[in-house]
Amino acid sequence: MKRRNTPSKEAVLDLLMNTGKAMSRDAIEQKLDLEIDRATIYRVLNRFCEDGMVHKIVAEDGKQYFAVCIKCDEKAMPVNHFHFRCTKCETIECLPEAVHFSVPNGYNVENINCVLTGICKDCS
């Protein structure tokens, strides 16, 4: 379905693309130049997720972060890839290499939502 382009959508997408990192809804709201309400930001972000432009990362505390899928094309990185949250600089990033895991026999993994937490390479 063709979606209408609005100033709200453009502002949120530009911010995510220029930041280059995953951002929470409240961080997006604080950095936007436009006055956009919380519900509109969530609606825009969820539509971006549906359209495959952005992916949602749920951290261990339940907070949602959103990142543009620039580095996350399926050739370079699987759709269900791992993320890393730095406890020092508070950034969340897509891990550039596969993290291997296994599940017991009889289980069939359809989706992965995994955030590893620690100190990133820049803060080490």
PDB file of N, CA and C in Angstrom:
ATOM      1  N   MET A   1       0.837  -1.175   0.000  1.00  0.00           N
ATOM      2  CA  MET A   1       0.000   0.000   0.000  1.00  0.00           C
ATOM      3  C   MET A   1       0.888   1.246   0.000  1.00  0.00           C
ATOM      4  N   LYS A   2       0.582   2.158  -0.847  1.00  0.00           N
ATOM      5  CA  LYS A   2       1.313   3.416  -0.936  1.00  0.00           C
ATOM      6  C   LYS A   2       0.941   4.289   0.249  1.00  0.00           C
ATOM      7  N   ARG A   3       1.957   4.769   0.938  1.00  0.00           N
ATOM      8  CA  ARG A   3       1.706   5.620   2.109  1.00  0.00           C
ATOM      9  C   ARG A   3       2.016   7.068   1.759  1.00  0.00           C
ATOM     10  N   ARG A   4       1.232   7.949   2.347  1.00  0.00           N
ATOM     11  CA  ARG A   4       1.409   9.384   2.149  1.00  0.00           C
ATOM     12  C   ARG A   4       2.683   9.851   2.849  1.00  0.00           C
ATOM     13  N   ASN A   5       3.404  10.727   2.203  1.00  0.00           N
ATOM     14  CA  ASN A   5       4.585  11.311   2.829  1.00  0.00           C
ATOM     15  C   ASN A   5       4.159  12.575   3.565  1.00  0.00           C
ATOM     16  N   THR A   6       4.498  12.650   4.851  1.00  0.00           N
ATOM     17  CA  THR A   6       4.099  13.796   5.657  1.00  0.00           C
ATOM     18  C   THR A   6       5.342  14.442   6.265  1.00  0.00           C
ATOM     19  N   PRO A   7       5.234  15.673   6.716  1.00  0.00           N
ATOM     20  CA  PRO A   7       6.374  16.312   7.392  1.00  0.00           C
ATOM     21  C   PRO A   7       6.835  15.521   8.626  1.00  0.00           C
ATOM     22  N   SER A   8       5.892  14.911   9.341  1.00  0.00           N
ATOM     23  CA  SER A   8       6.242  14.110  10.517  1.00  0.00           C
ATOM     24  C   SER A   8       7.105  12.919  10.124  1.00  0.00           C
ATOM     25  N   LYS A   9       6.682  12.197   9.090  1.00  0.00           N
ATOM     26  CA  LYS A   9       7.450  11.037   8.621  1.00  0.00           C
ATOM     27  C   LYS A   9       8.843  11.455   8.175  1.00  0.00           C
ATOM     28  N   GLU A  10       8.905  12.515   7.388  1.00  0.00           N
ATOM     29  CA  GLU A  10      10.201  12.987   6.894  1.00  0.00           C
ATOM     30  C   GLU A  10      11.130  13.373   8.033  1.00  0.00           C
ATOM     31  N   ALA A  11      10.593  14.065   9.033  1.00  0.00           N
ATOM     32  CA  ALA A  11      11.411  14.520  10.159  1.00  0.00           C
ATOM     33  C   ALA A  11      11.956  13.342  10.964  1.00  0.00           C
ATOM     34  N   VAL A  12      11.103  12.352  11.241  1.00  0.00           N
ATOM     35  CA  VAL A  12      11.538  11.190  12.018  1.00  0.00           C
ATOM     36  C   VAL A  12      12.569  10.384  11.238  1.00  0.00           C
ATOM     37  N   LEU A  13      12.315  10.129   9.964  1.00  0.00           N
ATOM     38  CA  LEU A  13      13.248   9.351   9.161  1.00  0.00           C
ATOM     39  C   LEU A  13      14.586  10.073   8.997  1.00  0.00           C
ATOM     40  N   ASP A  14      14.558  11.363   8.735  1.00  0.00           N
ATOM     41  CA  ASP A  14      15.802  12.138   8.614  1.00  0.00           C
ATOM     42  C   ASP A  14      16.623  12.066   9.899  1.00  0.00           C
ATOM     43  N   LEU A  15      15.954  12.202  11.026  1.00  0.00           N
ATOM     44  CA  LEU A  15      16.651  12.142  12.310  1.00  0.00           C
ATOM     45  C   LEU A  15      17.299  10.775  12.513  1.00  0.00           C
ATOM     46  N   LEU A  16      16.553   9.710  12.268  1.00  0.00           N
ATOM     47  CA  LEU A  16      17.110   8.362  12.438  1.00  0.00           C
ATOM     48  C   LEU A  16      18.276   8.105  11.480  1.00  0.00           C
ATOM     49  N   MET A  17      18.144   8.563  10.251  1.00  0.00           N
ATOM     50  CA  MET A  17      19.212   8.345   9.263  1.00  0.00           C
ATOM     51  C   MET A  17      20.453   9.152   9.608  1.00  0.00           C
ATOM     52  N   ASN A  18      20.277  10.391  10.036  1.00  0.00           N
ATOM     53  CA  ASN A  18      21.423  11.243  10.349  1.00  0.00           C
ATOM     54  C   ASN A  18      22.101  10.866  11.653  1.00  0.00           C
ATOM     55  N   THR A  19      21.345  10.315  12.587  1.00  0.00           N
ATOM     56  CA  THR A  19      21.911   9.894  13.866  1.00  0.00           C
ATOM     57  C   THR A  19      22.737   8.628  13.686  1.00  0.00           C
ATOM     58  N   GLY A  20      22.233   7.708  12.862  1.00  0.00           N
ATOM     59  CA  GLY A  20      22.958   6.469  12.603  1.00  0.00           C
ATOM     60  C   GLY A  20      22.952   5.480  13.754  1.00  0.00           C
ATOM     61  N   LYS A  21      22.179   5.746  14.788  1.00  0.00           N
ATOM     62  CA  LYS A  21      22.091   4.849  15.941  1.00  0.00           C
ATOM     63  C   LYS A  21      20.625   4.610  16.277  1.00  0.00           C
ATOM     64  N   ALA A  22      20.395   3.567  17.044  1.00  0.00           N
ATOM     65  CA  ALA A  22      19.039   3.300  17.512  1.00  0.00           C
ATOM     66  C   ALA A  22      18.644   4.369  18.527  1.00  0.00           C
ATOM     67  N   MET A  23      17.401   4.796  18.437  1.00  0.00           N
ATOM     68  CA  MET A  23      16.908   5.845  19.339  1.00  0.00           C
ATOM     69  C   MET A  23      15.566   5.436  19.925  1.00  0.00           C
ATOM     70  N   SER A  24      15.321   5.836  21.154  1.00  0.00           N
ATOM     71  CA  SER A  24      14.024   5.613  21.775  1.00  0.00           C
ATOM     72  C   SER A  24      13.049   6.690  21.305  1.00  0.00           C
ATOM     73  N   ARG A  25      11.766   6.445  21.530  1.00  0.00           N
ATOM     74  CA  ARG A  25      10.755   7.409  21.131  1.00  0.00           C
ATOM     75  C   ARG A  25      10.966   8.738  21.841  1.00  0.00           C
ATOM     76  N   ASP A  26      11.294   8.696  23.128  1.00  0.00           N
ATOM     77  CA  ASP A  26      11.475   9.956  23.851  1.00  0.00           C
ATOM     78  C   ASP A  26      12.704  10.721  23.369  1.00  0.00           C
ATOM     79  N   ALA A  27      13.768   9.999  22.986  1.00  0.00           N
ATOM     80  CA  ALA A  27      14.952  10.668  22.434  1.00  0.00           C
ATOM     81  C   ALA A  27      14.625  11.301  21.088  1.00  0.00           C
ATOM     82  N   ILE A  28      13.820  10.613  20.288  1.00  0.00           N
ATOM     83  CA  ILE A  28      13.401  11.158  18.994  1.00  0.00           C
ATOM     84  C   ILE A  28      12.586  12.426  19.218  1.00  0.00           C
ATOM     85  N   GLU A  29      11.638  12.367  20.150  1.00  0.00           N
ATOM     86  CA  GLU A  29      10.780  13.521  20.436  1.00  0.00           C
ATOM     87  C   GLU A  29      11.614  14.733  20.879  1.00  0.00           C
ATOM     88  N   GLN A  30      12.638  14.506  21.700  1.00  0.00           N
ATOM     89  CA  GLN A  30      13.479  15.599  22.187  1.00  0.00           C
ATOM     90  C   GLN A  30      14.305  16.238  21.080  1.00  0.00           C
ATOM     91  N   LYS A  31      14.751  15.437  20.107  1.00  0.00           N
ATOM     92  CA  LYS A  31      15.649  15.946  19.067  1.00  0.00           C
ATOM     93  C   LYS A  31      14.934  16.510  17.845  1.00  0.00           C
ATOM     94  N   LEU A  32      13.641  16.264  17.718  1.00  0.00           N
ATOM     95  CA  LEU A  32      12.904  16.750  16.544  1.00  0.00           C
ATOM     96  C   LEU A  32      12.736  18.261  16.578  1.00  0.00           C
ATOM     97  N   ASP A  33      12.867  18.866  15.413  1.00  0.00           N
ATOM     98  CA  ASP A  33      12.627  20.300  15.276  1.00  0.00           C
ATOM     99  C   ASP A  33      11.130  20.605  15.202  1.00  0.00           C
ATOM    100  N   LEU A  34      10.353  19.621  14.752  1.00  0.00           N
ATOM    101  CA  LEU A  34       8.898  19.787  14.640  1.00  0.00           C
ATOM    102  C   LEU A  34       8.217  19.446  15.961  1.00  0.00           C
ATOM    103  N   GLU A  35       7.077  20.015  16.176  1.00  0.00           N
ATOM    104  CA  GLU A  35       6.243  19.684  17.338  1.00  0.00           C
ATOM    105  C   GLU A  35       5.350  18.518  16.929  1.00  0.00           C
ATOM    106  N   ILE A  36       5.720  17.283  17.351  1.00  0.00           N
ATOM    107  CA  ILE A  36       4.954  16.087  17.007  1.00  0.00           C
ATOM    108  C   ILE A  36       4.604  15.374  18.307  1.00  0.00           C
ATOM    109  N   ASP A  37       3.330  14.981  18.441  1.00  0.00           N
ATOM    110  CA  ASP A  37       2.920  14.327  19.683  1.00  0.00           C
ATOM    111  C   ASP A  37       3.404  12.875  19.722  1.00  0.00           C
ATOM    112  N   ARG A  38       3.409  12.325  20.917  1.00  0.00           N
ATOM    113  CA  ARG A  38       3.918  10.976  21.191  1.00  0.00           C
ATOM    114  C   ARG A  38       3.228   9.912  20.338  1.00  0.00           C
ATOM    115  N   ALA A  39       1.906   9.979  20.232  1.00  0.00           N
ATOM    116  CA  ALA A  39       1.151   8.977  19.473  1.00  0.00           C
ATOM    117  C   ALA A  39       1.540   9.002  17.999  1.00  0.00           C
ATOM    118  N   THR A  40       1.732  10.175  17.443  1.00  0.00           N
ATOM    119  CA  THR A  40       2.126  10.287  16.036  1.00  0.00           C
ATOM    120  C   THR A  40       3.510   9.698  15.811  1.00  0.00           C
ATOM    121  N   ILE A  41       4.432   9.959  16.736  1.00  0.00           N
ATOM    122  CA  ILE A  41       5.779   9.396  16.600  1.00  0.00           C
ATOM    123  C   ILE A  41       5.715   7.877  16.626  1.00  0.00           C
ATOM    124  N   TYR A  42       4.977   7.296  17.559  1.00  0.00           N
ATOM    125  CA  TYR A  42       4.840   5.834  17.611  1.00  0.00           C
ATOM    126  C   TYR A  42       4.185   5.294  16.348  1.00  0.00           C
ATOM    127  N   ARG A  43       3.155   5.974  15.856  1.00  0.00           N
ATOM    128  CA  ARG A  43       2.475   5.521  14.643  1.00  0.00           C
ATOM    129  C   ARG A  43       3.443   5.529  13.455  1.00  0.00           C
ATOM    130  N   VAL A  44       4.225   6.603  13.318  1.00  0.00           N
ATOM    131  CA  VAL A  44       5.210   6.706  12.232  1.00  0.00           C
ATOM    132  C   VAL A  44       6.257   5.597  12.366  1.00  0.00           C
ATOM    133  N   LEU A  45       6.787   5.394  13.572  1.00  0.00           N
ATOM    134  CA  LEU A  45       7.811   4.374  13.784  1.00  0.00           C
ATOM    135  C   LEU A  45       7.278   2.975  13.489  1.00  0.00           C
ATOM    136  N   ASN A  46       6.062   2.684  13.930  1.00  0.00           N
ATOM    137  CA  ASN A  46       5.488   1.364  13.670  1.00  0.00           C
ATOM    138  C   ASN A  46       5.225   1.132  12.190  1.00  0.00           C
ATOM    139  N   ARG A  47       4.834   2.163  11.466  1.00  0.00           N
ATOM    140  CA  ARG A  47       4.649   2.028  10.008  1.00  0.00           C
ATOM    141  C   ARG A  47       5.989   1.802   9.321  1.00  0.00           C
ATOM    142  N   PHE A  48       7.027   2.503   9.783  1.00  0.00           N
ATOM    143  CA  PHE A  48       8.362   2.275   9.231  1.00  0.00           C
ATOM    144  C   PHE A  48       8.786   0.825   9.458  1.00  0.00           C
ATOM    145  N   CYS A  49       8.475   0.281  10.628  1.00  0.00           N
ATOM    146  CA  CYS A  49       8.801  -1.117  10.923  1.00  0.00           C
ATOM    147  C   CYS A  49       8.040  -2.056   9.983  1.00  0.00           C
ATOM    148  N   GLU A  50       6.752  -1.797   9.806  1.00  0.00           N
ATOM    149  CA  GLU A  50       5.931  -2.613   8.903  1.00  0.00           C
ATOM    150  C   GLU A  50       6.475  -2.586   7.481  1.00  0.00           C
ATOM    151  N   ASP A  51       6.976  -1.439   7.055  1.00  0.00           N
ATOM    152  CA  ASP A  51       7.488  -1.267   5.697  1.00  0.00           C
ATOM    153  C   ASP A  51       8.940  -1.717   5.545  1.00  0.00           C
ATOM    154  N   GLY A  52       9.567  -2.165   6.634  1.00  0.00           N
ATOM    155  CA  GLY A  52      10.936  -2.663   6.571  1.00  0.00           C
ATOM    156  C   GLY A  52      11.998  -1.582   6.489  1.00  0.00           C
ATOM    157  N   MET A  53      11.647  -0.353   6.792  1.00  0.00           N
ATOM    158  CA  MET A  53      12.613   0.750   6.736  1.00  0.00           C
ATOM    159  C   MET A  53      13.374   0.895   8.049  1.00  0.00           C
ATOM    160  N   VAL A  54      12.750   0.477   9.120  1.00  0.00           N
ATOM    161  CA  VAL A  54      13.284   0.625  10.471  1.00  0.00           C
ATOM    162  C   VAL A  54      13.028  -0.685  11.194  1.00  0.00           C
ATOM    163  N   HIS A  55      13.898  -1.038  12.112  1.00  0.00           N
ATOM    164  CA  HIS A  55      13.584  -2.188  12.956  1.00  0.00           C
ATOM    165  C   HIS A  55      13.555  -1.773  14.416  1.00  0.00           C
ATOM    166  N   LYS A  56      12.756  -2.532  15.167  1.00  0.00           N
ATOM    167  CA  LYS A  56      12.535  -2.243  16.572  1.00  0.00           C
ATOM    168  C   LYS A  56      13.431  -3.147  17.410  1.00  0.00           C
ATOM    169  N   ILE A  57      14.046  -2.545  18.407  1.00  0.00           N
ATOM    170  CA  ILE A  57      14.903  -3.270  19.338  1.00  0.00           C
ATOM    171  C   ILE A  57      14.296  -3.063  20.722  1.00  0.00           C
ATOM    172  N   VAL A  58      14.005  -4.149  21.406  1.00  0.00           N
ATOM    173  CA  VAL A  58      13.462  -4.049  22.758  1.00  0.00           C
ATOM    174  C   VAL A  58      14.586  -4.417  23.717  1.00  0.00           C
ATOM    175  N   ALA A  59      15.021  -3.451  24.521  1.00  0.00           N
ATOM    176  CA  ALA A  59      16.114  -3.676  25.466  1.00  0.00           C
ATOM    177  C   ALA A  59      15.619  -4.500  26.654  1.00  0.00           C
ATOM    178  N   GLU A  60      16.555  -4.920  27.471  1.00  0.00           N
ATOM    179  CA  GLU A  60      16.217  -5.790  28.606  1.00  0.00           C
ATOM    180  C   GLU A  60      15.283  -5.127  29.617  1.00  0.00           C
ATOM    181  N   ASP A  61      15.239  -3.809  29.623  1.00  0.00           N
ATOM    182  CA  ASP A  61      14.332  -3.106  30.533  1.00  0.00           C
ATOM    183  C   ASP A  61      12.961  -2.851  29.905  1.00  0.00           C
ATOM    184  N   GLY A  62      12.738  -3.369  28.688  1.00  0.00           N
ATOM    185  CA  GLY A  62      11.462  -3.221  27.999  1.00  0.00           C
ATOM    186  C   GLY A  62      11.350  -1.968  27.147  1.00  0.00           C
ATOM    187  N   LYS A  63      12.338  -1.087  27.221  1.00  0.00           N
ATOM    188  CA  LYS A  63      12.306   0.149  26.433  1.00  0.00           C
ATOM    189  C   LYS A  63      12.535  -0.181  24.959  1.00  0.00           C
ATOM    190  N   GLN A  64      11.775   0.465  24.083  1.00  0.00           N
ATOM    191  CA  GLN A  64      11.883   0.234  22.648  1.00  0.00           C
ATOM    192  C   GLN A  64      12.799   1.264  22.007  1.00  0.00           C
ATOM    193  N   TYR A  65      13.658   0.775  21.120  1.00  0.00           N
ATOM    194  CA  TYR A  65      14.550   1.621  20.340  1.00  0.00           C
ATOM    195  C   TYR A  65      14.300   1.311  18.869  1.00  0.00           C
ATOM    196  N   PHE A  66      14.541   2.296  18.020  1.00  0.00           N
ATOM    197  CA  PHE A  66      14.287   2.138  16.590  1.00  0.00           C
ATOM    198  C   PHE A  66      15.535   2.541  15.822  1.00  0.00           C
ATOM    199  N   ALA A  67      15.882   1.735  14.819  1.00  0.00           N
ATOM    200  CA  ALA A  67      17.075   2.002  14.015  1.00  0.00           C
ATOM    201  C   ALA A  67      16.743   1.839  12.537  1.00  0.00           C
ATOM    202  N   VAL A  68      17.316   2.699  11.722  1.00  0.00           N
ATOM    203  CA  VAL A  68      17.162   2.595  10.271  1.00  0.00           C
ATOM    204  C   VAL A  68      17.929   1.373   9.807  1.00  0.00           C
ATOM    205  N   CYS A  69      17.375   0.677   8.858  1.00  0.00           N
ATOM    206  CA  CYS A  69      17.965  -0.571   8.380  1.00  0.00           C
ATOM    207  C   CYS A  69      18.984  -0.359   7.264  1.00  0.00           C
ATOM    208  N   ILE A  70      19.901   0.589   7.446  1.00  0.00           N
ATOM    209  CA  ILE A  70      20.913   0.858   6.422  1.00  0.00           C
ATOM    210  C   ILE A  70      21.943  -0.267   6.379  1.00  0.00           C
ATOM    211  N   LYS A  71      22.533  -0.593   7.511  1.00  0.00           N
ATOM    212  CA  LYS A  71      23.543  -1.641   7.567  1.00  0.00           C
ATOM    213  C   LYS A  71      22.921  -3.030   7.682  1.00  0.00           C
ATOM    214  N   CYS A  72      21.618  -3.083   7.750  1.00  0.00           N
ATOM    215  CA  CYS A  72      20.943  -4.332   8.065  1.00  0.00           C
ATOM    216  C   CYS A  72      20.305  -4.986   6.850  1.00  0.00           C
ATOM    217  N   ASP A  73      20.864  -4.771   5.659  1.00  0.00           N
ATOM    218  CA  ASP A  73      20.275  -5.454   4.522  1.00  0.00           C
ATOM    219  C   ASP A  73      20.538  -6.954   4.667  1.00  0.00           C
ATOM    220  N   GLU A  74      19.662  -7.757   4.090  1.00  0.00           N
ATOM    221  CA  GLU A  74      19.705  -9.193   4.318  1.00  0.00           C
ATOM    222  C   GLU A  74      20.990  -9.851   3.818  1.00  0.00           C
ATOM    223  N   LYS A  75      21.690  -9.249   2.865  1.00  0.00           N
ATOM    224  CA  LYS A  75      22.940  -9.825   2.378  1.00  0.00           C
ATOM    225  C   LYS A  75      24.054  -9.642   3.401  1.00  0.00           C
ATOM    226  N   ALA A  76      24.093  -8.482   4.032  1.00  0.00           N
ATOM    227  CA  ALA A  76      25.152  -8.192   4.991  1.00  0.00           C
ATOM    228  C   ALA A  76      24.824  -8.719   6.381  1.00  0.00           C
ATOM    229  N   MET A  77      23.559  -8.706   6.735  1.00  0.00           N
ATOM    230  CA  MET A  77      23.161  -9.067   8.080  1.00  0.00           C
ATOM    231  C   MET A  77      21.762  -9.669   8.042  1.00  0.00           C
ATOM    232  N   PRO A  78      21.528 -10.766   8.763  1.00  0.00           N
ATOM    233  CA  PRO A  78      20.185 -11.346   8.745  1.00  0.00           C
ATOM    234  C   PRO A  78      19.167 -10.403   9.392  1.00  0.00           C
ATOM    235  N   VAL A  79      17.923 -10.563   9.019  1.00  0.00           N
ATOM    236  CA  VAL A  79      16.864  -9.727   9.567  1.00  0.00           C
ATOM    237  C   VAL A  79      16.828  -9.855  11.087  1.00  0.00           C
ATOM    238  N   ASN A  80      16.925 -11.070  11.579  1.00  0.00           N
ATOM    239  CA  ASN A  80      16.903 -11.316  13.030  1.00  0.00           C
ATOM    240  C   ASN A  80      18.327 -11.364  13.548  1.00  0.00           C
ATOM    241  N   HIS A  81      18.915 -10.221  13.743  1.00  0.00           N
ATOM    242  CA  HIS A  81      20.293 -10.172  14.209  1.00  0.00           C
ATOM    243  C   HIS A  81      20.349  -9.652  15.645  1.00  0.00           C
ATOM    244  N   PHE A  82      21.503  -9.769  16.251  1.00  0.00           N
ATOM    245  CA  PHE A  82      21.688  -9.352  17.634  1.00  0.00           C
ATOM    246  C   PHE A  82      22.094  -7.876  17.705  1.00  0.00           C
ATOM    247  N   HIS A  83      21.821  -7.273  18.849  1.00  0.00           N
ATOM    248  CA  HIS A  83      22.176  -5.886  19.109  1.00  0.00           C
ATOM    249  C   HIS A  83      23.009  -5.825  20.375  1.00  0.00           C
ATOM    250  N   PHE A  84      23.716  -4.726  20.537  1.00  0.00           N
ATOM    251  CA  PHE A  84      24.563  -4.538  21.718  1.00  0.00           C
ATOM    252  C   PHE A  84      24.256  -3.191  22.335  1.00  0.00           C
ATOM    253  N   ARG A  85      23.964  -3.189  23.643  1.00  0.00           N
ATOM    254  CA  ARG A  85      23.720  -1.935  24.364  1.00  0.00           C
ATOM    255  C   ARG A  85      24.887  -1.689  25.305  1.00  0.00           C
ATOM    256  N   CYS A  86      25.535  -0.541  25.120  1.00  0.00           N
ATOM    257  CA  CYS A  86      26.663  -0.166  25.969  1.00  0.00           C
ATOM    258  C   CYS A  86      26.131   0.494  27.237  1.00  0.00           C
ATOM    259  N   THR A  87      26.534  -0.025  28.377  1.00  0.00           N
ATOM    260  CA  THR A  87      26.079   0.530  29.649  1.00  0.00           C
ATOM    261  C   THR A  87      26.819   1.816  30.003  1.00  0.00           C
ATOM    262  N   LYS A  88      27.907   2.081  29.292  1.00  0.00           N
ATOM    263  CA  LYS A  88      28.681   3.303  29.574  1.00  0.00           C
ATOM    264  C   LYS A  88      28.164   4.488  28.757  1.00  0.00           C
ATOM    265  N   CYS A  89      28.087   4.333  27.435  1.00  0.00           N
ATOM    266  CA  CYS A  89      27.637   5.445  26.582  1.00  0.00           C
ATOM    267  C   CYS A  89      26.150   5.362  26.229  1.00  0.00           C
ATOM    268  N   GLU A  90      25.488   4.286  26.656  1.00  0.00           N
ATOM    269  CA  GLU A  90      24.044   4.101  26.461  1.00  0.00           C
ATOM    270  C   GLU A  90      23.611   4.009  25.002  1.00  0.00           C
ATOM    271  N   THR A  91      24.513   3.615  24.102  1.00  0.00           N
ATOM    272  CA  THR A  91      24.111   3.442  22.701  1.00  0.00           C
ATOM    273  C   THR A  91      23.698   1.999  22.461  1.00  0.00           C
ATOM    274  N   ILE A  92      22.876   1.806  21.453  1.00  0.00           N
ATOM    275  CA  ILE A  92      22.503   0.470  20.995  1.00  0.00           C
ATOM    276  C   ILE A  92      22.877   0.402  19.531  1.00  0.00           C
ATOM    277  N   GLU A  93      23.559  -0.668  19.157  1.00  0.00           N
ATOM    278  CA  GLU A  93      23.959  -0.827  17.761  1.00  0.00           C
ATOM    279  C   GLU A  93      23.736  -2.245  17.294  1.00  0.00           C
ATOM    280  N   CYS A  94      23.605  -2.407  15.987  1.00  0.00           N
ATOM    281  CA  CYS A  94      23.514  -3.724  15.383  1.00  0.00           C
ATOM    282  C   CYS A  94      24.910  -4.338  15.407  1.00  0.00           C
ATOM    283  N   LEU A  95      25.011  -5.593  15.818  1.00  0.00           N
ATOM    284  CA  LEU A  95      26.317  -6.245  15.786  1.00  0.00           C
ATOM    285  C   LEU A  95      26.644  -6.620  14.349  1.00  0.00           C
ATOM    286  N   PRO A  96      27.851  -6.305  13.897  1.00  0.00           N
ATOM    287  CA  PRO A  96      28.202  -6.511  12.489  1.00  0.00           C
ATOM    288  C   PRO A  96      28.488  -7.960  12.119  1.00  0.00           C
ATOM    289  N   GLU A  97      28.610  -8.841  13.104  1.00  0.00           N
ATOM    290  CA  GLU A  97      28.888 -10.254  12.823  1.00  0.00           C
ATOM    291  C   GLU A  97      27.828 -11.121  13.495  1.00  0.00           C
ATOM    292  N   ALA A  98      27.688 -12.318  12.983  1.00  0.00           N
ATOM    293  CA  ALA A  98      26.701 -13.242  13.533  1.00  0.00           C
ATOM    294  C   ALA A  98      27.088 -13.662  14.944  1.00  0.00           C
ATOM    295  N   VAL A  99      26.082 -13.799  15.783  1.00  0.00           N
ATOM    296  CA  VAL A  99      26.252 -14.380  17.110  1.00  0.00           C
ATOM    297  C   VAL A  99      25.562 -15.731  17.037  1.00  0.00           C
ATOM    298  N   HIS A 100      26.287 -16.788  17.335  1.00  0.00           N
ATOM    299  CA  HIS A 100      25.735 -18.130  17.196  1.00  0.00           C
ATOM    300  C   HIS A 100      25.056 -18.576  18.482  1.00  0.00           C
ATOM    301  N   PHE A 101      23.955 -19.273  18.327  1.00  0.00           N
ATOM    302  CA  PHE A 101      23.214 -19.799  19.459  1.00  0.00           C
ATOM    303  C   PHE A 101      22.551 -21.093  19.035  1.00  0.00           C
ATOM    304  N   SER A 102      22.104 -21.854  19.996  1.00  0.00           N
ATOM    305  CA  SER A 102      21.381 -23.079  19.674  1.00  0.00           C
ATOM    306  C   SER A 102      20.183 -23.207  20.599  1.00  0.00           C
ATOM    307  N   VAL A 103      19.184 -23.938  20.144  1.00  0.00           N
ATOM    308  CA  VAL A 103      17.991 -24.204  20.933  1.00  0.00           C
ATOM    309  C   VAL A 103      17.808 -25.718  20.999  1.00  0.00           C
ATOM    310  N   PRO A 104      17.121 -26.199  22.012  1.00  0.00           N
ATOM    311  CA  PRO A 104      16.918 -27.654  22.115  1.00  0.00           C
ATOM    312  C   PRO A 104      16.169 -28.215  20.910  1.00  0.00           C
ATOM    313  N   ASN A 105      16.379 -29.495  20.644  1.00  0.00           N
ATOM    314  CA  ASN A 105      15.670 -30.171  19.551  1.00  0.00           C
ATOM    315  C   ASN A 105      14.171 -30.008  19.713  1.00  0.00           C
ATOM    316  N   GLY A 106      13.497 -29.832  18.577  1.00  0.00           N
ATOM    317  CA  GLY A 106      12.052 -29.687  18.581  1.00  0.00           C
ATOM    318  C   GLY A 106      11.577 -28.238  18.585  1.00  0.00           C
ATOM    319  N   TYR A 107      12.487 -27.304  18.838  1.00  0.00           N
ATOM    320  CA  TYR A 107      12.133 -25.882  18.822  1.00  0.00           C
ATOM    321  C   TYR A 107      12.524 -25.286  17.480  1.00  0.00           C
ATOM    322  N   ASN A 108      11.649 -24.463  16.936  1.00  0.00           N
ATOM    323  CA  ASN A 108      11.888 -23.841  15.645  1.00  0.00           C
ATOM    324  C   ASN A 108      11.832 -22.319  15.827  1.00  0.00           C
ATOM    325  N   VAL A 109      12.975 -21.648  15.743  1.00  0.00           N
ATOM    326  CA  VAL A 109      13.056 -20.203  15.970  1.00  0.00           C
ATOM    327  C   VAL A 109      12.506 -19.459  14.754  1.00  0.00           C
ATOM    328  N   GLU A 110      11.547 -18.574  14.987  1.00  0.00           N
ATOM    329  CA  GLU A 110      10.973 -17.753  13.930  1.00  0.00           C
ATOM    330  C   GLU A 110      11.377 -16.295  14.041  1.00  0.00           C
ATOM    331  N   ASN A 111      11.728 -15.857  15.253  1.00  0.00           N
ATOM    332  CA  ASN A 111      12.075 -14.468  15.462  1.00  0.00           C
ATOM    333  C   ASN A 111      13.058 -14.381  16.619  1.00  0.00           C
ATOM    334  N   ILE A 112      13.972 -13.431  16.521  1.00  0.00           N
ATOM    335  CA  ILE A 112      14.959 -13.223  17.574  1.00  0.00           C
ATOM    336  C   ILE A 112      14.858 -11.777  18.041  1.00  0.00           C
ATOM    337  N   ASN A 113      14.852 -11.604  19.345  1.00  0.00           N
ATOM    338  CA  ASN A 113      14.917 -10.267  19.919  1.00  0.00           C
ATOM    339  C   ASN A 113      15.975 -10.341  21.009  1.00  0.00           C
ATOM    340  N   CYS A 114      17.198 -10.047  20.651  1.00  0.00           N
ATOM    341  CA  CYS A 114      18.288 -10.222  21.600  1.00  0.00           C
ATOM    342  C   CYS A 114      19.157  -8.973  21.664  1.00  0.00           C
ATOM    343  N   VAL A 115      19.351  -8.493  22.889  1.00  0.00           N
ATOM    344  CA  VAL A 115      20.237  -7.367  23.138  1.00  0.00           C
ATOM    345  C   VAL A 115      21.278  -7.828  24.143  1.00  0.00           C
ATOM    346  N   LEU A 116      22.525  -7.814  23.714  1.00  0.00           N
ATOM    347  CA  LEU A 116      23.627  -8.102  24.617  1.00  0.00           C
ATOM    348  C   LEU A 116      24.012  -6.795  25.288  1.00  0.00           C
ATOM    349  N   THR A 117      24.346  -6.844  26.555  1.00  0.00           N
ATOM    350  CA  THR A 117      24.649  -5.640  27.315  1.00  0.00           C
ATOM    351  C   THR A 117      26.052  -5.710  27.885  1.00  0.00           C
ATOM    352  N   GLY A 118      26.775  -4.608  27.812  1.00  0.00           N
ATOM    353  CA  GLY A 118      28.129  -4.531  28.348  1.00  0.00           C
ATOM    354  C   GLY A 118      28.790  -3.228  27.938  1.00  0.00           C
ATOM    355  N   ILE A 119      30.099  -3.270  27.738  1.00  0.00           N
ATOM    356  CA  ILE A 119      30.870  -2.086  27.351  1.00  0.00           C
ATOM    357  C   ILE A 119      31.242  -2.245  25.869  1.00  0.00           C
ATOM    358  N   CYS A 120      30.921  -1.243  25.039  1.00  0.00           N
ATOM    359  CA  CYS A 120      31.194  -1.314  23.594  1.00  0.00           C
ATOM    360  C   CYS A 120      32.691  -1.133  23.323  1.00  0.00           C
ATOM    361  N   LYS A 121      33.073  -1.414  22.083  1.00  0.00           N
ATOM    362  CA  LYS A 121      34.495  -1.301  21.694  1.00  0.00           C
ATOM    363  C   LYS A 121      35.013   0.128  21.808  1.00  0.00           C
ATOM    364  N   ASP A 122      34.152   1.131  21.603  1.00  0.00           N
ATOM    365  CA  ASP A 122      34.594   2.524  21.716  1.00  0.00           C
ATOM    366  C   ASP A 122      34.851   2.941  23.167  1.00  0.00           C
ATOM    367  N   CYS A 123      34.132   2.341  24.098  1.00  0.00           N
ATOM    368  CA  CYS A 123      34.276   2.701  25.517  1.00  0.00           C
ATOM    369  C   CYS A 123      35.256   1.806  26.265  1.00  0.00           C
ATOM    370  N   SER A 124      35.672   0.705  25.660  1.00  0.00           N
ATOM    371  CA  SER A 124      36.589  -0.237  26.348  1.00  0.00           C
ATOM    372  C   SER A 124      37.934   0.377  26.620  1.00  0.00           C
TER     373      SER A 124
END
